[in-house]
Amino acid sequence: MSESFVDAHRRLAAAQKGHARGAPAYSVYVNRRIGRVLAAAAHRRGWTPNGATAVSAAHTFLGIALLVLLPAAWWTGLVVAALLVLGYAWDSADGQIARLRGGGSLAGEWLDHFVDALKIACLHLAVLLALWLHTPVRDTAWMLVPLVASIVGVVTFFGMLLNDLLKGKAGVASTHARGGGTLGRSLLLLPTDFGLQCLLFALWGWTTGFLWAYAALAALNGAFLVLAAVRWYREIRGIDRASAAA
């Protein structure tokens, strides 16, 4: 007999032994819990982690497409925000399904990261195109904000992956190893949370409010990237020194 939804959900809840020190609050306290429900339901129906990744991608890229295709109205923003939130929740669910099935695969992890990279690269460029098509700011300096947000998002994602890759190569624990996170740190990192960016699109019909909030997030994420890059470089230099001294 297949595992019930309640048992699968309970097993996932019991398996959560903390979160990575770099994990922001929405991802930990909201997205993971929504993903847990989706994962338990999907596992009950025999879905694979890659199937959940595909569902995540479908929600996310439908939301991105509608952002470009539909007018900048309040209802457009709510639809786009809902699709992006669901896409992000399914992104959490795929790893939890893998945990229920006894572990994931390298191919599954590659697919998950590939989809993440694609959505980060596409989302801000879609905002740029949508602002140009559907709002009166097409000939203003506001058009620079999505470009800056795109650069910050792509470089941050690449930097995080590269940092963990080089640490793993040297046999050093990943920055995102579980168990190092606290509530205070998670709240401090909330502006860097992709889930917060998803919710931001609920303001899409109010162009001025959206742009100010979007610019503020871009600035905060840019500041985080500068601080994180300095720290990552120091960590890698420390590994080099330790290797040279050994």
Protein backbone atom coordinates (compact mmCIF):
# COMPACT_ATOMS: atom_id res chain seq x y z
CA MET A 1 0.00 0.00 0.00
CA SER A 2 1.36 3.45 -0.94
CA GLU A 3 2.17 5.96 1.78
CA SER A 4 -0.70 8.24 2.81
CA PHE A 5 -0.59 12.01 2.43
CA VAL A 6 -0.59 12.49 6.21
CA ASP A 7 2.31 10.05 6.71
CA ALA A 8 4.34 11.59 3.90
CA HIS A 9 3.75 15.09 5.23
CA ARG A 10 4.65 14.02 8.75
CA ARG A 11 7.83 12.32 7.53
CA LEU A 12 8.91 15.45 5.68
CA ALA A 13 8.21 17.67 8.69
CA ALA A 14 10.27 15.38 10.92
CA ALA A 15 13.15 15.39 8.42
CA GLN A 16 13.60 19.19 8.60
CA LYS A 17 16.52 19.65 10.99
CA GLY A 18 17.17 23.32 10.44
CA HIS A 19 17.99 25.46 7.46
CA ALA A 20 21.03 26.86 5.75
CA ARG A 21 22.48 30.01 7.25
CA GLY A 22 22.00 31.76 3.91
CA ALA A 23 18.30 30.88 3.63
CA PRO A 24 15.93 33.89 3.82
CA ALA A 25 12.70 33.91 5.80
CA TYR A 26 10.04 33.41 3.11
CA SER A 27 11.87 30.41 1.67
CA VAL A 28 12.22 28.79 5.09
CA TYR A 29 8.97 29.60 6.87
CA VAL A 30 6.49 29.87 3.99
CA ASN A 31 7.75 28.34 0.77
CA ARG A 32 9.15 25.19 2.34
CA ARG A 33 5.85 24.51 4.12
CA ILE A 34 3.76 25.03 0.98
CA GLY A 35 6.23 22.82 -0.87
CA ARG A 36 5.88 20.17 1.82
CA VAL A 37 2.12 19.95 1.20
CA LEU A 38 2.64 19.79 -2.57
CA ALA A 39 5.39 17.20 -2.18
CA ALA A 40 3.28 14.93 0.03
CA ALA A 41 0.36 15.13 -2.42
CA ALA A 42 2.62 14.54 -5.44
CA HIS A 43 4.38 11.63 -3.74
CA ARG A 44 1.01 10.07 -2.97
CA ARG A 45 0.31 10.09 -6.73
CA GLY A 46 3.70 8.65 -7.65
CA TRP A 47 5.23 11.82 -9.09
CA THR A 48 8.99 12.06 -9.53
CA PRO A 49 11.17 15.02 -8.52
CA ASN A 50 11.73 15.84 -12.20
CA GLY A 51 7.96 15.90 -12.68
CA ALA A 52 7.67 18.49 -9.91
CA THR A 53 10.48 20.50 -11.49
CA ALA A 54 8.54 20.49 -14.77
CA VAL A 55 5.39 21.70 -13.00
CA SER A 56 7.44 24.41 -11.29
CA ALA A 57 8.85 25.54 -14.63
CA ALA A 58 5.39 25.54 -16.24
CA HIS A 59 3.95 27.83 -13.55
CA THR A 60 6.97 30.12 -13.51
CA PHE A 61 7.34 30.61 -17.25
CA LEU A 62 3.61 30.99 -17.78
CA GLY A 63 3.71 33.82 -15.24
CA ILE A 64 6.68 35.41 -17.01
CA ALA A 65 4.96 35.11 -20.39
CA LEU A 66 1.73 36.68 -19.11
CA LEU A 67 3.71 39.56 -17.68
CA VAL A 68 4.80 40.42 -21.22
CA LEU A 69 1.58 39.53 -23.04
CA LEU A 70 -1.04 41.14 -20.78
CA PRO A 71 -1.62 44.80 -19.90
CA ALA A 72 -0.20 46.23 -16.68
CA ALA A 73 -3.44 45.87 -14.72
CA TRP A 74 -4.08 44.95 -11.09
CA TRP A 75 -5.50 41.55 -12.06
CA THR A 76 -2.49 40.80 -14.25
CA GLY A 77 -0.22 41.37 -11.29
CA LEU A 78 -2.24 39.06 -9.06
CA VAL A 79 -2.24 36.29 -11.67
CA VAL A 80 1.49 36.64 -12.32
CA ALA A 81 2.30 36.74 -8.60
CA ALA A 82 0.17 33.63 -7.95
CA LEU A 83 1.85 31.70 -10.76
CA LEU A 84 5.33 32.68 -9.62
CA VAL A 85 4.54 31.79 -6.01
CA LEU A 86 3.24 28.37 -7.07
CA GLY A 87 6.25 27.86 -9.30
CA TYR A 88 8.55 28.63 -6.40
CA ALA A 89 6.62 26.29 -4.10
CA TRP A 90 6.93 23.44 -6.61
CA ASP A 91 10.65 24.24 -6.80
CA SER A 92 10.82 23.42 -3.10
CA ALA A 93 8.61 20.37 -3.55
CA ASP A 94 10.92 18.60 -6.00
CA GLY A 95 13.71 18.23 -3.44
CA GLN A 96 11.24 17.10 -0.80
CA ILE A 97 9.81 14.47 -3.14
CA ALA A 98 13.37 13.24 -3.69
CA ARG A 99 13.78 12.97 0.08
CA LEU A 100 10.58 10.92 0.36
CA ARG A 101 11.84 8.60 -2.37
CA GLY A 102 15.13 8.01 -0.57
CA GLY A 103 17.34 10.62 -2.24
CA GLY A 104 17.75 12.53 -5.46
CA SER A 105 20.08 12.22 -8.43
CA LEU A 106 22.79 14.36 -9.97
CA ALA A 107 20.67 14.69 -13.11
CA GLY A 108 17.74 15.92 -11.05
CA GLU A 109 19.91 18.44 -9.23
CA TRP A 110 21.31 19.66 -12.56
CA LEU A 111 17.80 20.10 -13.97
CA ASP A 112 16.65 21.97 -10.88
CA HIS A 113 19.58 24.41 -11.02
CA PHE A 114 19.25 24.82 -14.79
CA VAL A 115 15.59 25.84 -14.46
CA ASP A 116 16.50 28.20 -11.60
CA ALA A 117 19.18 29.86 -13.74
CA LEU A 118 16.78 30.20 -16.66
CA LYS A 119 14.03 31.82 -14.59
CA ILE A 120 16.44 34.28 -12.97
CA ALA A 121 17.80 35.26 -16.38
CA CYS A 122 14.32 35.61 -17.91
CA LEU A 123 12.29 37.29 -15.16
CA HIS A 124 13.97 40.69 -15.05
CA LEU A 125 14.29 40.89 -18.82
CA ALA A 126 10.56 40.17 -19.02
CA VAL A 127 9.96 43.07 -16.61
CA LEU A 128 12.05 45.29 -18.89
CA LEU A 129 10.05 44.28 -21.96
CA ALA A 130 6.70 44.56 -20.14
CA LEU A 131 7.53 48.05 -18.87
CA TRP A 132 8.43 49.10 -22.40
CA LEU A 133 5.26 47.60 -23.90
CA HIS A 134 2.62 48.40 -21.30
CA THR A 135 3.62 51.38 -19.17
CA PRO A 136 4.46 55.07 -19.69
CA VAL A 137 8.04 54.68 -18.34
CA ARG A 138 9.46 53.25 -21.59
CA ASP A 139 11.59 56.34 -22.27
CA THR A 140 12.75 57.00 -18.72
CA ALA A 141 15.63 55.98 -16.46
CA TRP A 142 13.31 53.45 -14.77
CA MET A 143 14.16 51.10 -17.64
CA LEU A 144 17.63 50.72 -16.15
CA VAL A 145 16.27 49.09 -12.99
CA PRO A 146 15.40 45.68 -14.56
CA LEU A 147 18.83 45.62 -16.22
CA VAL A 148 20.55 46.18 -12.88
CA ALA A 149 18.28 43.61 -11.21
CA SER A 150 19.09 41.09 -13.94
CA ILE A 151 22.84 41.56 -13.54
CA VAL A 152 22.61 41.29 -9.75
CA GLY A 153 20.38 38.20 -9.88
CA VAL A 154 22.46 36.28 -12.41
CA VAL A 155 25.82 37.12 -10.80
CA THR A 156 24.54 36.28 -7.31
CA PHE A 157 23.23 32.89 -8.42
CA PHE A 158 26.44 32.08 -10.26
CA GLY A 159 28.57 33.26 -7.32
CA MET A 160 26.66 31.08 -4.85
CA LEU A 161 26.98 27.99 -7.03
CA LEU A 162 30.67 28.64 -7.76
CA ASN A 163 31.44 29.20 -4.09
CA ASP A 164 29.82 25.91 -3.11
CA LEU A 165 31.43 24.08 -6.04
CA LEU A 166 34.94 25.19 -5.11
CA LYS A 167 34.36 24.44 -1.44
CA GLY A 168 33.12 20.96 -2.33
CA LYS A 169 36.19 20.44 -4.52
CA ALA A 170 38.39 21.29 -1.53
CA GLY A 171 36.33 19.10 0.82
CA VAL A 172 34.97 22.08 2.78
CA ALA A 173 31.36 22.22 3.97
CA SER A 174 29.01 24.20 1.73
CA THR A 175 27.87 27.66 2.74
CA HIS A 176 24.34 26.28 2.43
CA ALA A 177 24.82 23.29 4.71
CA ARG A 178 21.78 22.86 6.93
CA GLY A 179 21.75 23.71 10.59
CA GLY A 180 23.45 27.10 10.54
CA GLY A 181 20.42 29.35 10.13
CA THR A 182 18.61 31.45 12.71
CA LEU A 183 15.33 33.37 12.63
CA GLY A 184 17.09 36.72 12.93
CA ARG A 185 19.45 35.98 10.07
CA SER A 186 16.60 34.69 7.91
CA LEU A 187 14.62 37.89 8.47
CA LEU A 188 17.68 40.01 7.72
CA LEU A 189 18.08 38.18 4.39
CA LEU A 190 14.39 38.53 3.47
CA PRO A 191 15.06 41.16 0.75
CA THR A 192 17.17 38.57 -1.10
CA ASP A 193 14.33 36.03 -1.12
CA PHE A 194 13.02 35.05 -4.57
CA GLY A 195 9.64 34.51 -2.93
CA LEU A 196 9.50 38.19 -2.00
CA GLN A 197 10.16 39.07 -5.64
CA CYS A 198 7.25 36.81 -6.62
CA LEU A 199 4.90 38.60 -4.23
CA LEU A 200 6.09 41.99 -5.47
CA PHE A 201 4.22 41.47 -8.73
CA ALA A 202 0.94 41.90 -6.87
CA LEU A 203 1.79 45.63 -7.21
CA TRP A 204 2.21 45.37 -10.98
CA GLY A 205 -1.00 47.29 -11.74
CA TRP A 206 0.29 50.22 -9.65
CA THR A 207 3.30 51.07 -11.80
CA THR A 208 4.80 53.72 -9.52
CA GLY A 209 4.53 51.60 -6.38
CA PHE A 210 5.89 48.55 -8.16
CA LEU A 211 8.88 50.43 -9.56
CA TRP A 212 9.88 51.95 -6.22
CA ALA A 213 9.59 48.59 -4.45
CA TYR A 214 11.37 46.81 -7.31
CA ALA A 215 14.20 49.38 -7.31
CA ALA A 216 14.56 49.09 -3.53
CA LEU A 217 14.87 45.31 -3.77
CA ALA A 218 17.40 45.63 -6.59
CA ALA A 219 19.48 48.02 -4.47
CA LEU A 220 19.34 45.79 -1.41
CA ASN A 221 20.25 42.73 -3.45
CA GLY A 222 23.11 44.65 -5.03
CA ALA A 223 24.43 45.55 -1.58
CA PHE A 224 24.12 41.91 -0.52
CA LEU A 225 26.06 40.81 -3.59
CA VAL A 226 28.93 43.17 -2.82
CA LEU A 227 29.15 41.99 0.80
CA ALA A 228 28.74 38.33 -0.16
CA ALA A 229 31.35 38.52 -2.90
CA VAL A 230 33.91 39.90 -0.45
CA ARG A 231 33.11 37.14 2.01
CA TRP A 232 33.15 34.38 -0.63
CA TYR A 233 36.52 35.55 -1.92
CA ARG A 234 37.99 35.59 1.57
CA GLU A 235 36.67 32.09 2.21
CA ILE A 236 38.23 30.76 -0.98
CA ARG A 237 41.52 32.53 -0.21
CA GLY A 238 41.45 30.95 3.24
CA ILE A 239 41.08 27.51 1.66
CA ASP A 240 44.04 28.28 -0.62
CA ARG A 241 46.19 29.27 2.37
CA ALA A 242 45.18 26.16 4.31
CA SER A 243 46.03 23.96 1.31
CA ALA A 244 49.40 25.65 0.83
CA ALA A 245 50.27 25.23 4.51
CA ALA A 246 49.30 21.54 4.57
